[in-house]
């Protein structure tokens, strides 16, 4: 049975492995390490089954800048599931647990770059619908209000944590 819990220091190697295997390269795994090492991991959860880490998700701070103002938001990236365990709903469990924890902590919005047909099931919509912009505003750039209306008077360009610039 899969359980979701906070990442611990002893999970670091397993998280790197899951991220690298899920993406077929180690860029996302190195991003996770950089975010964690630089203190930009706001929330990091693992999915565990039988003592083995089979999934991981990380949330980090980001900002929205526009009209001389700046607003805080949360970035969801990356989320990964071990290839042998994909299509079992583990990624969805990680996303739901993370969003619930962020909502309970009072955060307002989560933004991501991800598959445009996967994330809408969790309530994500194209970020341009909220007046948020990043590069070409493609459908993969999405946002979710954790508190209804929190993005109502917000518009501008999204800035990811500087670690993302390295990838």
N, C-alpha and C. Protein backbone atom coordinates (compact mmCIF):
# COMPACT_ATOMS: atom_id res chain seq x y z
N UNK A 1 0.84 -1.19 0.00
CA UNK A 1 0.00 0.00 0.00
C UNK A 1 0.88 1.25 0.00
N UNK A 2 0.59 2.17 -0.86
CA UNK A 2 1.36 3.40 -1.00
C UNK A 2 0.94 4.40 0.07
N UNK A 3 1.94 4.99 0.71
CA UNK A 3 1.68 6.06 1.67
C UNK A 3 2.48 7.29 1.24
N UNK A 4 1.95 8.46 1.58
CA UNK A 4 2.59 9.73 1.25
C UNK A 4 3.09 10.33 2.55
N UNK A 5 4.34 10.78 2.53
CA UNK A 5 4.93 11.41 3.72
C UNK A 5 5.94 12.46 3.30
N UNK A 6 6.37 13.25 4.27
CA UNK A 6 7.40 14.26 4.01
C UNK A 6 8.73 13.56 3.72
N UNK A 7 9.48 14.13 2.80
CA UNK A 7 10.82 13.63 2.51
C UNK A 7 11.71 13.86 3.73
N UNK A 8 12.59 12.90 4.01
CA UNK A 8 13.59 13.05 5.07
C UNK A 8 14.97 13.05 4.44
N UNK A 9 15.97 13.42 5.21
CA UNK A 9 17.35 13.45 4.70
C UNK A 9 17.79 12.08 4.18
N UNK A 10 17.30 11.02 4.80
CA UNK A 10 17.70 9.68 4.37
C UNK A 10 17.07 9.27 3.03
N UNK A 11 16.11 10.05 2.55
CA UNK A 11 15.46 9.75 1.26
C UNK A 11 16.21 10.34 0.07
N UNK A 12 17.21 11.14 0.31
CA UNK A 12 17.85 11.92 -0.76
C UNK A 12 18.29 11.05 -1.94
N UNK A 13 18.98 9.97 -1.70
CA UNK A 13 19.44 9.09 -2.78
C UNK A 13 18.29 8.45 -3.53
N UNK A 14 17.27 8.01 -2.82
CA UNK A 14 16.12 7.38 -3.45
C UNK A 14 15.34 8.39 -4.29
N UNK A 15 15.23 9.62 -3.80
CA UNK A 15 14.54 10.67 -4.56
C UNK A 15 15.30 10.96 -5.85
N UNK A 16 16.63 11.06 -5.75
CA UNK A 16 17.44 11.30 -6.95
C UNK A 16 17.20 10.18 -7.97
N UNK A 17 17.21 8.94 -7.50
CA UNK A 17 17.02 7.79 -8.39
C UNK A 17 15.65 7.84 -9.06
N UNK A 18 14.60 8.07 -8.29
CA UNK A 18 13.24 8.11 -8.86
C UNK A 18 13.13 9.23 -9.88
N UNK A 19 13.63 10.41 -9.56
CA UNK A 19 13.57 11.53 -10.50
C UNK A 19 14.33 11.21 -11.79
N UNK A 20 15.54 10.69 -11.66
CA UNK A 20 16.36 10.39 -12.84
C UNK A 20 15.73 9.29 -13.70
N UNK A 21 15.23 8.24 -13.06
CA UNK A 21 14.61 7.14 -13.82
C UNK A 21 13.31 7.59 -14.49
N UNK A 22 12.52 8.38 -13.80
CA UNK A 22 11.23 8.82 -14.34
C UNK A 22 11.41 9.70 -15.57
N UNK A 23 12.43 10.55 -15.56
CA UNK A 23 12.64 11.47 -16.67
C UNK A 23 13.68 10.98 -17.69
N UNK A 24 14.33 9.85 -17.38
CA UNK A 24 15.30 9.30 -18.32
C UNK A 24 16.59 10.10 -18.40
N UNK A 25 16.80 11.00 -17.47
CA UNK A 25 18.02 11.81 -17.36
C UNK A 25 18.03 12.38 -15.95
N UNK A 26 19.13 13.03 -15.59
CA UNK A 26 19.22 13.48 -14.20
C UNK A 26 18.98 14.98 -13.99
N UNK A 27 18.51 15.70 -15.02
CA UNK A 27 18.30 17.15 -14.87
C UNK A 27 17.32 17.47 -13.75
N UNK A 28 16.17 16.81 -13.72
CA UNK A 28 15.17 17.08 -12.67
C UNK A 28 15.71 16.67 -11.30
N UNK A 29 16.45 15.57 -11.26
CA UNK A 29 17.04 15.12 -9.99
C UNK A 29 18.04 16.15 -9.47
N UNK A 30 18.84 16.71 -10.36
CA UNK A 30 19.80 17.75 -9.97
C UNK A 30 19.07 19.02 -9.56
N UNK A 31 17.96 19.35 -10.24
CA UNK A 31 17.16 20.51 -9.85
C UNK A 31 16.63 20.34 -8.43
N UNK A 32 16.11 19.17 -8.12
CA UNK A 32 15.61 18.89 -6.76
C UNK A 32 16.73 19.10 -5.74
N UNK A 33 17.92 18.57 -6.03
CA UNK A 33 19.06 18.74 -5.11
C UNK A 33 19.39 20.22 -4.92
N UNK A 34 19.42 20.98 -6.03
CA UNK A 34 19.73 22.41 -5.93
C UNK A 34 18.68 23.17 -5.13
N UNK A 35 17.42 22.93 -5.41
CA UNK A 35 16.35 23.59 -4.66
C UNK A 35 16.46 23.27 -3.17
N UNK A 36 16.68 22.02 -2.85
CA UNK A 36 16.80 21.59 -1.46
C UNK A 36 18.03 22.23 -0.81
N UNK A 37 19.18 22.14 -1.50
CA UNK A 37 20.43 22.65 -0.93
C UNK A 37 20.40 24.16 -0.73
N UNK A 38 19.68 24.88 -1.58
CA UNK A 38 19.61 26.34 -1.48
C UNK A 38 18.44 26.84 -0.63
N UNK A 39 17.76 25.92 0.03
CA UNK A 39 16.66 26.31 0.91
C UNK A 39 15.40 26.73 0.19
N UNK A 40 15.23 26.30 -1.06
CA UNK A 40 14.05 26.67 -1.83
C UNK A 40 13.05 25.53 -1.99
N UNK A 41 13.18 24.53 -1.16
CA UNK A 41 12.18 23.46 -1.14
C UNK A 41 11.15 23.83 -0.08
N UNK A 42 9.99 24.23 -0.53
CA UNK A 42 8.92 24.61 0.40
C UNK A 42 8.23 23.37 0.97
N UNK A 43 8.00 22.38 0.09
CA UNK A 43 7.35 21.15 0.48
C UNK A 43 7.86 20.04 -0.42
N UNK A 44 8.33 18.96 0.18
CA UNK A 44 8.85 17.82 -0.58
C UNK A 44 8.25 16.55 0.02
N UNK A 45 7.48 15.84 -0.79
CA UNK A 45 6.80 14.62 -0.35
C UNK A 45 7.30 13.42 -1.14
N UNK A 46 7.27 12.27 -0.50
CA UNK A 46 7.58 11.02 -1.18
C UNK A 46 6.40 10.07 -1.07
N UNK A 47 6.29 9.22 -2.08
CA UNK A 47 5.35 8.10 -2.03
C UNK A 47 6.18 6.89 -1.71
N UNK A 48 5.75 6.14 -0.73
CA UNK A 48 6.51 4.98 -0.26
C UNK A 48 5.62 3.74 -0.28
N UNK A 49 6.21 2.64 -0.69
CA UNK A 49 5.49 1.37 -0.69
C UNK A 49 6.46 0.29 -0.23
N UNK A 50 6.13 -0.36 0.86
CA UNK A 50 6.98 -1.42 1.39
C UNK A 50 8.37 -0.94 1.74
N UNK A 51 8.49 0.29 2.22
CA UNK A 51 9.78 0.84 2.59
C UNK A 51 10.58 1.39 1.43
N UNK A 52 10.04 1.34 0.22
CA UNK A 52 10.74 1.84 -0.96
C UNK A 52 10.09 3.12 -1.46
N UNK A 53 10.91 4.13 -1.73
CA UNK A 53 10.42 5.38 -2.31
C UNK A 53 10.11 5.12 -3.78
N UNK A 54 8.84 5.32 -4.17
CA UNK A 54 8.41 5.06 -5.55
C UNK A 54 7.92 6.32 -6.26
N UNK A 55 7.89 7.45 -5.54
CA UNK A 55 7.45 8.69 -6.14
C UNK A 55 7.92 9.88 -5.32
N UNK A 56 7.92 11.05 -5.96
CA UNK A 56 8.37 12.27 -5.29
C UNK A 56 7.72 13.48 -5.93
N UNK A 57 7.47 14.50 -5.11
CA UNK A 57 6.98 15.78 -5.60
C UNK A 57 7.62 16.88 -4.78
N UNK A 58 7.92 18.01 -5.45
CA UNK A 58 8.49 19.15 -4.75
C UNK A 58 7.74 20.42 -5.14
N UNK A 59 7.59 21.29 -4.16
CA UNK A 59 7.00 22.60 -4.35
C UNK A 59 8.02 23.63 -3.88
N UNK A 60 8.17 24.71 -4.63
CA UNK A 60 9.14 25.74 -4.29
C UNK A 60 8.50 27.12 -4.46
N UNK A 61 9.07 28.14 -3.83
CA UNK A 61 8.50 29.48 -3.95
C UNK A 61 8.79 30.08 -5.32
N UNK A 62 7.89 30.94 -5.76
CA UNK A 62 8.07 31.71 -6.99
C UNK A 62 7.34 33.03 -6.82
N UNK A 63 7.53 33.92 -7.77
CA UNK A 63 6.86 35.21 -7.68
C UNK A 63 6.16 35.55 -9.00
N UNK A 64 5.20 36.42 -8.88
CA UNK A 64 4.52 37.00 -10.03
C UNK A 64 4.82 38.49 -9.96
N UNK A 65 5.37 39.04 -11.05
CA UNK A 65 5.75 40.44 -11.06
C UNK A 65 5.02 41.18 -12.16
N UNK A 66 4.37 42.29 -11.78
CA UNK A 66 3.66 43.09 -12.76
C UNK A 66 3.20 44.40 -12.19
N UNK A 67 3.18 45.43 -13.01
CA UNK A 67 2.71 46.77 -12.63
C UNK A 67 3.34 47.27 -11.34
N UNK A 68 4.64 47.04 -11.18
CA UNK A 68 5.36 47.52 -10.01
C UNK A 68 5.07 46.78 -8.73
N UNK A 69 4.33 45.69 -8.82
CA UNK A 69 4.00 44.90 -7.63
C UNK A 69 4.53 43.48 -7.79
N UNK A 70 4.59 42.78 -6.68
CA UNK A 70 5.06 41.40 -6.68
C UNK A 70 4.18 40.58 -5.75
N UNK A 71 3.82 39.37 -6.19
CA UNK A 71 2.99 38.49 -5.40
C UNK A 71 3.67 37.14 -5.28
N UNK A 72 3.49 36.49 -4.16
CA UNK A 72 4.05 35.16 -3.94
C UNK A 72 3.15 34.08 -4.52
N UNK A 73 3.77 33.04 -5.02
CA UNK A 73 3.05 31.85 -5.49
C UNK A 73 3.95 30.66 -5.23
N UNK A 74 3.41 29.49 -5.54
CA UNK A 74 4.14 28.23 -5.32
C UNK A 74 4.28 27.52 -6.67
N UNK A 75 5.47 26.98 -6.90
CA UNK A 75 5.74 26.20 -8.11
C UNK A 75 5.65 24.71 -7.77
N UNK A 76 4.92 23.97 -8.58
CA UNK A 76 4.89 22.52 -8.48
C UNK A 76 5.85 21.99 -9.55
N UNK A 77 6.98 21.48 -9.13
CA UNK A 77 7.95 20.88 -10.07
C UNK A 77 9.16 20.40 -9.28
N UNK A 78 9.58 19.25 -9.55
CA UNK A 78 8.96 18.25 -10.43
C UNK A 78 8.11 17.27 -9.63
N UNK A 79 7.38 16.46 -10.36
CA UNK A 79 6.70 15.30 -9.79
C UNK A 79 7.15 14.10 -10.61
N UNK A 80 7.50 13.04 -9.92
CA UNK A 80 8.04 11.86 -10.61
C UNK A 80 7.59 10.58 -9.92
N UNK A 81 7.39 9.55 -10.73
CA UNK A 81 7.04 8.22 -10.23
C UNK A 81 7.97 7.23 -10.92
N UNK A 82 8.48 6.28 -10.15
CA UNK A 82 9.36 5.25 -10.72
C UNK A 82 8.67 4.61 -11.92
N UNK A 83 9.39 4.42 -13.02
CA UNK A 83 8.77 3.88 -14.24
C UNK A 83 7.97 2.59 -14.01
N UNK A 84 8.46 1.72 -13.15
CA UNK A 84 7.76 0.46 -12.90
C UNK A 84 6.45 0.64 -12.15
N UNK A 85 6.21 1.86 -11.62
CA UNK A 85 5.01 2.12 -10.82
C UNK A 85 4.12 3.19 -11.45
N UNK A 86 4.43 3.61 -12.66
CA UNK A 86 3.61 4.63 -13.31
C UNK A 86 2.26 4.05 -13.71
N UNK A 87 1.29 4.94 -13.88
CA UNK A 87 -0.09 4.59 -14.25
C UNK A 87 -0.83 3.82 -13.15
N UNK A 88 -0.40 4.02 -11.91
CA UNK A 88 -1.09 3.43 -10.76
C UNK A 88 -1.76 4.49 -9.90
N UNK A 89 -1.68 5.76 -10.31
CA UNK A 89 -2.29 6.84 -9.54
C UNK A 89 -1.39 7.44 -8.47
N UNK A 90 -0.12 7.04 -8.43
CA UNK A 90 0.79 7.53 -7.40
C UNK A 90 1.06 9.02 -7.58
N UNK A 91 1.27 9.46 -8.83
CA UNK A 91 1.48 10.88 -9.08
C UNK A 91 0.30 11.71 -8.60
N UNK A 92 -0.90 11.23 -8.86
CA UNK A 92 -2.11 11.92 -8.41
C UNK A 92 -2.19 12.01 -6.90
N UNK A 93 -1.81 10.94 -6.21
CA UNK A 93 -1.80 10.96 -4.75
C UNK A 93 -0.83 12.01 -4.23
N UNK A 94 0.35 12.09 -4.85
CA UNK A 94 1.34 13.08 -4.44
C UNK A 94 0.82 14.50 -4.66
N UNK A 95 0.24 14.73 -5.83
CA UNK A 95 -0.29 16.06 -6.15
C UNK A 95 -1.41 16.44 -5.17
N UNK A 96 -2.35 15.55 -4.95
CA UNK A 96 -3.47 15.85 -4.06
C UNK A 96 -2.99 16.11 -2.63
N UNK A 97 -2.04 15.31 -2.15
CA UNK A 97 -1.52 15.50 -0.79
C UNK A 97 -0.80 16.84 -0.68
N UNK A 98 0.01 17.16 -1.68
CA UNK A 98 0.73 18.42 -1.66
C UNK A 98 -0.19 19.62 -1.70
N UNK A 99 -1.16 19.59 -2.60
CA UNK A 99 -2.10 20.70 -2.71
C UNK A 99 -2.90 20.87 -1.42
N UNK A 100 -3.31 19.77 -0.82
CA UNK A 100 -4.07 19.84 0.43
C UNK A 100 -3.23 20.47 1.54
N UNK A 101 -1.97 20.09 1.62
CA UNK A 101 -1.10 20.64 2.67
C UNK A 101 -0.85 22.13 2.43
N UNK A 102 -0.62 22.52 1.19
CA UNK A 102 -0.41 23.93 0.88
C UNK A 102 -1.66 24.76 1.15
N UNK A 103 -2.81 24.22 0.80
CA UNK A 103 -4.09 24.90 1.06
C UNK A 103 -4.28 25.08 2.56
N UNK A 104 -4.02 24.03 3.32
CA UNK A 104 -4.18 24.11 4.78
C UNK A 104 -3.22 25.11 5.41
N UNK A 105 -2.05 25.29 4.79
CA UNK A 105 -1.06 26.24 5.30
C UNK A 105 -1.36 27.68 4.88
N UNK A 106 -2.41 27.88 4.07
CA UNK A 106 -2.84 29.21 3.70
C UNK A 106 -2.23 29.77 2.43
N UNK A 107 -1.53 28.96 1.67
CA UNK A 107 -0.96 29.44 0.41
C UNK A 107 -2.07 29.73 -0.59
N UNK A 108 -1.79 30.65 -1.53
CA UNK A 108 -2.84 31.10 -2.43
C UNK A 108 -2.92 30.43 -3.77
N UNK A 109 -1.77 30.20 -4.44
CA UNK A 109 -1.81 29.71 -5.82
C UNK A 109 -0.60 28.83 -6.11
N UNK A 110 -0.81 27.86 -7.00
CA UNK A 110 0.24 26.96 -7.46
C UNK A 110 0.32 27.08 -8.97
N UNK A 111 1.55 27.14 -9.47
CA UNK A 111 1.79 27.31 -10.90
C UNK A 111 2.75 26.22 -11.36
N UNK A 112 2.57 25.77 -12.61
CA UNK A 112 3.44 24.71 -13.12
C UNK A 112 3.55 24.75 -14.64
N UNK A 113 4.55 24.06 -15.13
CA UNK A 113 4.67 23.71 -16.54
C UNK A 113 4.49 22.21 -16.59
N UNK A 114 3.46 21.74 -17.24
CA UNK A 114 3.19 20.31 -17.25
C UNK A 114 2.25 19.91 -18.36
N UNK A 115 1.96 18.64 -18.41
CA UNK A 115 1.14 18.12 -19.49
C UNK A 115 -0.26 18.72 -19.44
N UNK A 116 -0.69 19.39 -20.53
CA UNK A 116 -1.96 20.12 -20.50
C UNK A 116 -3.21 19.26 -20.42
N UNK A 117 -3.10 17.96 -20.61
CA UNK A 117 -4.29 17.11 -20.45
C UNK A 117 -4.29 16.37 -19.11
N UNK A 118 -3.19 16.41 -18.38
CA UNK A 118 -3.10 15.70 -17.09
C UNK A 118 -3.53 16.59 -15.92
N UNK A 119 -2.97 17.78 -15.83
CA UNK A 119 -3.17 18.61 -14.64
C UNK A 119 -4.55 19.23 -14.48
N UNK A 120 -5.33 19.44 -15.54
CA UNK A 120 -6.68 19.98 -15.33
C UNK A 120 -7.55 19.12 -14.40
N UNK A 121 -7.29 17.84 -14.30
CA UNK A 121 -8.09 17.00 -13.38
C UNK A 121 -7.93 17.41 -11.92
N UNK A 122 -6.86 18.17 -11.64
CA UNK A 122 -6.63 18.67 -10.27
C UNK A 122 -7.07 20.12 -10.13
N UNK A 123 -7.68 20.66 -11.18
CA UNK A 123 -8.19 22.03 -11.14
C UNK A 123 -7.30 23.06 -11.83
N UNK A 124 -6.18 22.65 -12.37
CA UNK A 124 -5.29 23.59 -13.05
C UNK A 124 -5.92 24.05 -14.37
N UNK A 125 -5.67 25.34 -14.69
CA UNK A 125 -6.14 25.93 -15.95
C UNK A 125 -4.97 26.67 -16.59
N UNK A 126 -5.05 26.93 -17.88
CA UNK A 126 -3.99 27.73 -18.50
C UNK A 126 -3.79 29.03 -17.71
N UNK A 127 -2.55 29.32 -17.37
CA UNK A 127 -2.25 30.48 -16.52
C UNK A 127 -2.63 31.79 -17.18
N UNK A 128 -2.63 31.83 -18.50
CA UNK A 128 -2.99 33.07 -19.19
C UNK A 128 -4.43 33.48 -18.86
N UNK A 129 -5.28 32.51 -18.49
CA UNK A 129 -6.66 32.83 -18.09
C UNK A 129 -6.70 33.67 -16.82
N UNK A 130 -5.61 33.62 -16.04
CA UNK A 130 -5.51 34.41 -14.81
C UNK A 130 -4.70 35.69 -15.04
N UNK A 131 -4.21 35.90 -16.27
CA UNK A 131 -3.37 37.06 -16.54
C UNK A 131 -1.92 36.82 -16.16
N UNK A 132 -1.52 35.55 -16.07
CA UNK A 132 -0.14 35.20 -15.72
C UNK A 132 0.58 34.75 -16.98
N UNK A 133 1.84 35.16 -17.10
CA UNK A 133 2.57 34.89 -18.32
C UNK A 133 3.97 34.35 -18.05
N UNK A 134 4.41 33.49 -18.97
CA UNK A 134 5.76 32.93 -18.93
C UNK A 134 6.11 32.45 -20.33
N UNK A 135 7.17 32.98 -20.85
CA UNK A 135 7.63 32.64 -22.20
C UNK A 135 6.49 32.71 -23.21
N UNK A 136 6.10 31.59 -23.82
CA UNK A 136 5.11 31.67 -24.91
C UNK A 136 3.67 31.40 -24.47
N UNK A 137 3.42 31.32 -23.18
CA UNK A 137 2.07 31.11 -22.65
C UNK A 137 1.38 29.87 -23.21
N UNK A 138 2.14 28.87 -23.53
CA UNK A 138 1.54 27.63 -24.06
C UNK A 138 0.62 26.99 -23.02
N UNK A 139 -0.20 26.07 -23.47
CA UNK A 139 -1.18 25.43 -22.59
C UNK A 139 -0.54 24.68 -21.43
N UNK A 140 0.72 24.30 -21.56
CA UNK A 140 1.41 23.57 -20.49
C UNK A 140 1.70 24.46 -19.29
N UNK A 141 1.61 25.77 -19.45
CA UNK A 141 1.82 26.71 -18.35
C UNK A 141 0.48 26.94 -17.67
N UNK A 142 0.33 26.39 -16.45
CA UNK A 142 -0.97 26.35 -15.79
C UNK A 142 -0.91 26.88 -14.36
N UNK A 143 -2.06 27.26 -13.86
CA UNK A 143 -2.18 27.78 -12.50
C UNK A 143 -3.43 27.22 -11.83
N UNK A 144 -3.38 27.20 -10.52
CA UNK A 144 -4.50 26.75 -9.69
C UNK A 144 -4.62 27.69 -8.50
N UNK A 145 -5.80 28.21 -8.28
CA UNK A 145 -6.06 29.00 -7.08
C UNK A 145 -6.36 28.03 -5.93
N UNK A 146 -5.56 28.08 -4.88
CA UNK A 146 -5.84 27.28 -3.69
C UNK A 146 -6.93 27.94 -2.86
N UNK A 147 -7.01 29.25 -2.97
CA UNK A 147 -8.09 30.04 -2.35
C UNK A 147 -8.81 30.73 -3.48
N UNK A 148 -10.08 30.43 -3.70
CA UNK A 148 -10.82 31.03 -4.81
C UNK A 148 -10.69 32.56 -4.83
N UNK A 149 -10.38 33.08 -6.01
CA UNK A 149 -10.28 34.52 -6.20
C UNK A 149 -8.94 35.13 -5.86
N UNK A 150 -7.99 34.34 -5.36
CA UNK A 150 -6.71 34.90 -4.92
C UNK A 150 -5.93 35.53 -6.08
N UNK A 151 -6.15 35.07 -7.30
CA UNK A 151 -5.46 35.63 -8.46
C UNK A 151 -6.28 36.67 -9.20
N UNK A 152 -7.42 37.03 -8.65
CA UNK A 152 -8.35 37.94 -9.31
C UNK A 152 -7.72 39.28 -9.69
N UNK A 153 -6.96 39.88 -8.80
CA UNK A 153 -6.36 41.18 -9.06
C UNK A 153 -4.86 41.09 -9.29
N UNK A 154 -4.40 39.92 -9.71
CA UNK A 154 -2.98 39.67 -9.93
C UNK A 154 -2.75 39.44 -11.42
N UNK A 155 -1.74 40.06 -11.96
CA UNK A 155 -1.35 39.76 -13.33
C UNK A 155 0.12 40.12 -13.49
N UNK A 156 0.78 39.41 -14.39
CA UNK A 156 2.17 39.72 -14.63
C UNK A 156 2.95 38.50 -15.10
N UNK A 157 4.25 38.64 -15.06
CA UNK A 157 5.16 37.57 -15.48
C UNK A 157 5.61 36.76 -14.29
N UNK A 158 5.63 35.45 -14.48
CA UNK A 158 6.01 34.53 -13.42
C UNK A 158 7.52 34.35 -13.41
N UNK A 159 8.10 34.38 -12.21
CA UNK A 159 9.53 34.16 -12.01
C UNK A 159 9.74 32.91 -11.15
N UNK A 160 10.36 31.90 -11.74
CA UNK A 160 10.68 30.69 -11.00
C UNK A 160 11.91 30.94 -10.12
N UNK A 161 12.14 30.09 -9.13
CA UNK A 161 13.37 30.17 -8.33
C UNK A 161 14.56 30.12 -9.28
N UNK A 162 15.66 30.79 -8.94
CA UNK A 162 16.81 30.88 -9.86
C UNK A 162 17.40 29.53 -10.26
N UNK A 163 17.19 28.50 -9.47
CA UNK A 163 17.72 27.18 -9.79
C UNK A 163 17.18 26.65 -11.12
N UNK A 164 15.96 27.04 -11.46
CA UNK A 164 15.35 26.59 -12.71
C UNK A 164 16.11 27.13 -13.93
N UNK A 165 16.78 28.28 -13.77
CA UNK A 165 17.51 28.87 -14.89
C UNK A 165 18.66 27.98 -15.37
N UNK A 166 19.10 27.07 -14.53
CA UNK A 166 20.23 26.21 -14.88
C UNK A 166 19.82 25.04 -15.77
N UNK A 167 18.51 24.87 -15.98
CA UNK A 167 18.07 23.69 -16.72
C UNK A 167 17.26 24.06 -17.93
